[in-house]
Amino acid sequence: MRTNPSFGIVDETLGTLARGMLPRLRHVFEQHQALHRLAVEATVNV
């Protein structure tokens, strides 16, 4: 069974995309956590 060289290219591209997306995903996740915390505080304070 031969390995397809194009798979390596796809793998590298996916790796680059993942590295580019991770900081953005973390930022979105932190925003979501902050909003959730605000919502919980607002609910508790009512």
PDB file of N, CA and C in Angstrom:
ATOM      1  N   MET A   1       0.842  -1.193   0.000  1.00  0.00           N
ATOM      2  CA  MET A   1       0.000   0.000   0.000  1.00  0.00           C
ATOM      3  C   MET A   1       0.879   1.246   0.000  1.00  0.00           C
ATOM      4  N   ARG A   2       0.674   2.079  -0.998  1.00  0.00           N
ATOM      5  CA  ARG A   2       1.478   3.303  -1.077  1.00  0.00           C
ATOM      6  C   ARG A   2       0.781   4.435  -0.330  1.00  0.00           C
ATOM      7  N   THR A   3       1.579   5.315   0.261  1.00  0.00           N
ATOM      8  CA  THR A   3       0.995   6.488   0.909  1.00  0.00           C
ATOM      9  C   THR A   3       0.832   7.579  -0.135  1.00  0.00           C
ATOM     10  N   ASN A   4      -0.273   8.249  -0.110  1.00  0.00           N
ATOM     11  CA  ASN A   4      -0.563   9.304  -1.068  1.00  0.00           C
ATOM     12  C   ASN A   4       0.089  10.599  -0.586  1.00  0.00           C
ATOM     13  N   PRO A   5       0.999  11.182  -1.382  1.00  0.00           N
ATOM     14  CA  PRO A   5       1.689  12.403  -0.939  1.00  0.00           C
ATOM     15  C   PRO A   5       0.735  13.566  -0.694  1.00  0.00           C
ATOM     16  N   SER A   6      -0.406  13.581  -1.377  1.00  0.00           N
ATOM     17  CA  SER A   6      -1.335  14.699  -1.192  1.00  0.00           C
ATOM     18  C   SER A   6      -1.934  14.695   0.209  1.00  0.00           C
ATOM     19  N   PHE A   7      -1.951  13.520   0.858  1.00  0.00           N
ATOM     20  CA  PHE A   7      -2.450  13.460   2.230  1.00  0.00           C
ATOM     21  C   PHE A   7      -1.570  14.289   3.161  1.00  0.00           C
ATOM     22  N   GLY A   8      -0.260  14.270   2.908  1.00  0.00           N
ATOM     23  CA  GLY A   8       0.652  15.069   3.723  1.00  0.00           C
ATOM     24  C   GLY A   8       0.346  16.547   3.590  1.00  0.00           C
ATOM     25  N   ILE A   9       0.044  16.979   2.368  1.00  0.00           N
ATOM     26  CA  ILE A   9      -0.274  18.385   2.120  1.00  0.00           C
ATOM     27  C   ILE A   9      -1.563  18.758   2.851  1.00  0.00           C
ATOM     28  N   VAL A  10      -2.568  17.890   2.740  1.00  0.00           N
ATOM     29  CA  VAL A  10      -3.841  18.149   3.422  1.00  0.00           C
ATOM     30  C   VAL A  10      -3.614  18.216   4.927  1.00  0.00           C
ATOM     31  N   ASP A  11      -2.799  17.300   5.435  1.00  0.00           N
ATOM     32  CA  ASP A  11      -2.498  17.262   6.862  1.00  0.00           C
ATOM     33  C   ASP A  11      -1.847  18.562   7.313  1.00  0.00           C
ATOM     34  N   GLU A  12      -0.877  19.049   6.537  1.00  0.00           N
ATOM     35  CA  GLU A  12      -0.194  20.295   6.888  1.00  0.00           C
ATOM     36  C   GLU A  12      -1.164  21.457   6.860  1.00  0.00           C
ATOM     37  N   THR A  13      -2.037  21.485   5.837  1.00  0.00           N
ATOM     38  CA  THR A  13      -3.009  22.568   5.715  1.00  0.00           C
ATOM     39  C   THR A  13      -3.955  22.566   6.904  1.00  0.00           C
ATOM     40  N   LEU A  14      -4.440  21.382   7.269  1.00  0.00           N
ATOM     41  CA  LEU A  14      -5.340  21.270   8.426  1.00  0.00           C
ATOM     42  C   LEU A  14      -4.630  21.709   9.702  1.00  0.00           C
ATOM     43  N   GLY A  15      -3.369  21.325   9.846  1.00  0.00           N
ATOM     44  CA  GLY A  15      -2.606  21.722  11.023  1.00  0.00           C
ATOM     45  C   GLY A  15      -2.462  23.231  11.106  1.00  0.00           C
ATOM     46  N   THR A  16      -2.165  23.866   9.965  1.00  0.00           N
ATOM     47  CA  THR A  16      -2.024  25.321   9.930  1.00  0.00           C
ATOM     48  C   THR A  16      -3.344  25.993  10.263  1.00  0.00           C
ATOM     49  N   LEU A  17      -4.438  25.484   9.685  1.00  0.00           N
ATOM     50  CA  LEU A  17      -5.763  26.043   9.965  1.00  0.00           C
ATOM     51  C   LEU A  17      -6.099  25.903  11.443  1.00  0.00           C
ATOM     52  N   ALA A  18      -5.816  24.732  12.011  1.00  0.00           N
ATOM     53  CA  ALA A  18      -6.115  24.498  13.426  1.00  0.00           C
ATOM     54  C   ALA A  18      -5.335  25.472  14.297  1.00  0.00           C
ATOM     55  N   ARG A  19      -4.046  25.671  13.975  1.00  0.00           N
ATOM     56  CA  ARG A  19      -3.235  26.615  14.753  1.00  0.00           C
ATOM     57  C   ARG A  19      -3.791  28.019  14.625  1.00  0.00           C
ATOM     58  N   GLY A  20      -4.274  28.380  13.444  1.00  0.00           N
ATOM     59  CA  GLY A  20      -4.838  29.710  13.249  1.00  0.00           C
ATOM     60  C   GLY A  20      -6.163  29.886  13.966  1.00  0.00           C
ATOM     61  N   MET A  21      -6.930  28.797  14.064  1.00  0.00           N
ATOM     62  CA  MET A  21      -8.261  28.888  14.653  1.00  0.00           C
ATOM     63  C   MET A  21      -8.239  28.830  16.175  1.00  0.00           C
ATOM     64  N   LEU A  22      -7.265  28.127  16.759  1.00  0.00           N
ATOM     65  CA  LEU A  22      -7.271  27.913  18.212  1.00  0.00           C
ATOM     66  C   LEU A  22      -7.365  29.204  19.025  1.00  0.00           C
ATOM     67  N   PRO A  23      -6.560  30.231  18.747  1.00  0.00           N
ATOM     68  CA  PRO A  23      -6.689  31.462  19.543  1.00  0.00           C
ATOM     69  C   PRO A  23      -8.074  32.084  19.417  1.00  0.00           C
ATOM     70  N   ARG A  24      -8.653  32.022  18.214  1.00  0.00           N
ATOM     71  CA  ARG A  24      -9.981  32.602  18.002  1.00  0.00           C
ATOM     72  C   ARG A  24     -11.023  31.811  18.790  1.00  0.00           C
ATOM     73  N   LEU A  25     -10.893  30.472  18.757  1.00  0.00           N
ATOM     74  CA  LEU A  25     -11.830  29.628  19.506  1.00  0.00           C
ATOM     75  C   LEU A  25     -11.709  29.900  21.003  1.00  0.00           C
ATOM     76  N   ARG A  26     -10.483  30.053  21.484  1.00  0.00           N
ATOM     77  CA  ARG A  26     -10.283  30.324  22.909  1.00  0.00           C
ATOM     78  C   ARG A  26     -10.927  31.660  23.275  1.00  0.00           C
ATOM     79  N   HIS A  27     -10.762  32.659  22.397  1.00  0.00           N
ATOM     80  CA  HIS A  27     -11.341  33.981  22.641  1.00  0.00           C
ATOM     81  C   HIS A  27     -12.860  33.889  22.719  1.00  0.00           C
ATOM     82  N   VAL A  28     -13.462  33.162  21.775  1.00  0.00           N
ATOM     83  CA  VAL A  28     -14.916  32.990  21.765  1.00  0.00           C
ATOM     84  C   VAL A  28     -15.360  32.269  23.035  1.00  0.00           C
ATOM     85  N   PHE A  29     -14.614  31.247  23.420  1.00  0.00           N
ATOM     86  CA  PHE A  29     -14.950  30.476  24.615  1.00  0.00           C
ATOM     87  C   PHE A  29     -14.896  31.361  25.856  1.00  0.00           C
ATOM     88  N   GLU A  30     -13.855  32.218  25.955  1.00  0.00           N
ATOM     89  CA  GLU A  30     -13.729  33.107  27.111  1.00  0.00           C
ATOM     90  C   GLU A  30     -14.872  34.108  27.138  1.00  0.00           C
ATOM     91  N   GLN A  31     -15.258  34.634  25.966  1.00  0.00           N
ATOM     92  CA  GLN A  31     -16.393  35.554  25.899  1.00  0.00           C
ATOM     93  C   GLN A  31     -17.654  34.859  26.380  1.00  0.00           C
ATOM     94  N   HIS A  32     -17.846  33.618  25.949  1.00  0.00           N
ATOM     95  CA  HIS A  32     -19.031  32.851  26.333  1.00  0.00           C
ATOM     96  C   HIS A  32     -19.049  32.646  27.848  1.00  0.00           C
ATOM     97  N   GLN A  33     -17.904  32.320  28.426  1.00  0.00           N
ATOM     98  CA  GLN A  33     -17.830  32.129  29.876  1.00  0.00           C
ATOM     99  C   GLN A  33     -18.157  33.422  30.605  1.00  0.00           C
ATOM    100  N   ALA A  34     -17.644  34.555  30.105  1.00  0.00           N
ATOM    101  CA  ALA A  34     -17.902  35.846  30.743  1.00  0.00           C
ATOM    102  C   ALA A  34     -19.392  36.172  30.698  1.00  0.00           C
ATOM    103  N   LEU A  35     -20.015  35.945  29.545  1.00  0.00           N
ATOM    104  CA  LEU A  35     -21.453  36.192  29.409  1.00  0.00           C
ATOM    105  C   LEU A  35     -22.235  35.286  30.349  1.00  0.00           C
ATOM    106  N   HIS A  36     -21.830  34.035  30.439  1.00  0.00           N
ATOM    107  CA  HIS A  36     -22.516  33.079  31.306  1.00  0.00           C
ATOM    108  C   HIS A  36     -22.426  33.528  32.769  1.00  0.00           C
ATOM    109  N   ARG A  37     -21.228  33.998  33.162  1.00  0.00           N
ATOM    110  CA  ARG A  37     -21.026  34.467  34.530  1.00  0.00           C
ATOM    111  C   ARG A  37     -21.926  35.673  34.811  1.00  0.00           C
ATOM    112  N   LEU A  38     -22.009  36.602  33.852  1.00  0.00           N
ATOM    113  CA  LEU A  38     -22.878  37.769  34.011  1.00  0.00           C
ATOM    114  C   LEU A  38     -24.330  37.345  34.151  1.00  0.00           C
ATOM    115  N   ALA A  39     -24.745  36.392  33.323  1.00  0.00           N
ATOM    116  CA  ALA A  39     -26.133  35.919  33.368  1.00  0.00           C
ATOM    117  C   ALA A  39     -26.431  35.281  34.718  1.00  0.00           C
ATOM    118  N   VAL A  40     -25.497  34.496  35.234  1.00  0.00           N
ATOM    119  CA  VAL A  40     -25.692  33.847  36.537  1.00  0.00           C
ATOM    120  C   VAL A  40     -25.787  34.902  37.630  1.00  0.00           C
ATOM    121  N   GLU A  41     -24.901  35.900  37.594  1.00  0.00           N
ATOM    122  CA  GLU A  41     -24.928  36.956  38.612  1.00  0.00           C
ATOM    123  C   GLU A  41     -26.237  37.731  38.542  1.00  0.00           C
ATOM    124  N   ALA A  42     -26.692  38.029  37.328  1.00  0.00           N
ATOM    125  CA  ALA A  42     -27.947  38.760  37.160  1.00  0.00           C
ATOM    126  C   ALA A  42     -29.112  37.950  37.720  1.00  0.00           C
ATOM    127  N   THR A  43     -29.097  36.643  37.475  1.00  0.00           N
ATOM    128  CA  THR A  43     -30.174  35.774  37.969  1.00  0.00           C
ATOM    129  C   THR A  43     -30.154  35.726  39.494  1.00  0.00           C
ATOM    130  N   VAL A  44     -28.962  35.646  40.077  1.00  0.00           N
ATOM    131  CA  VAL A  44     -28.833  35.564  41.539  1.00  0.00           C
ATOM    132  C   VAL A  44     -29.270  36.882  42.178  1.00  0.00           C
ATOM    133  N   ASN A  45     -28.975  38.006  41.525  1.00  0.00           N
ATOM    134  CA  ASN A  45     -29.263  39.318  42.107  1.00  0.00           C
ATOM    135  C   ASN A  45     -30.723  39.708  42.005  1.00  0.00           C
ATOM    136  N   VAL A  46     -31.505  39.027  41.187  1.00  0.00           N
ATOM    137  CA  VAL A  46     -32.916  39.406  41.006  1.00  0.00           C
ATOM    138  C   VAL A  46     -33.690  39.123  42.288  1.00  0.00           C
TER     139      VAL A  46
END
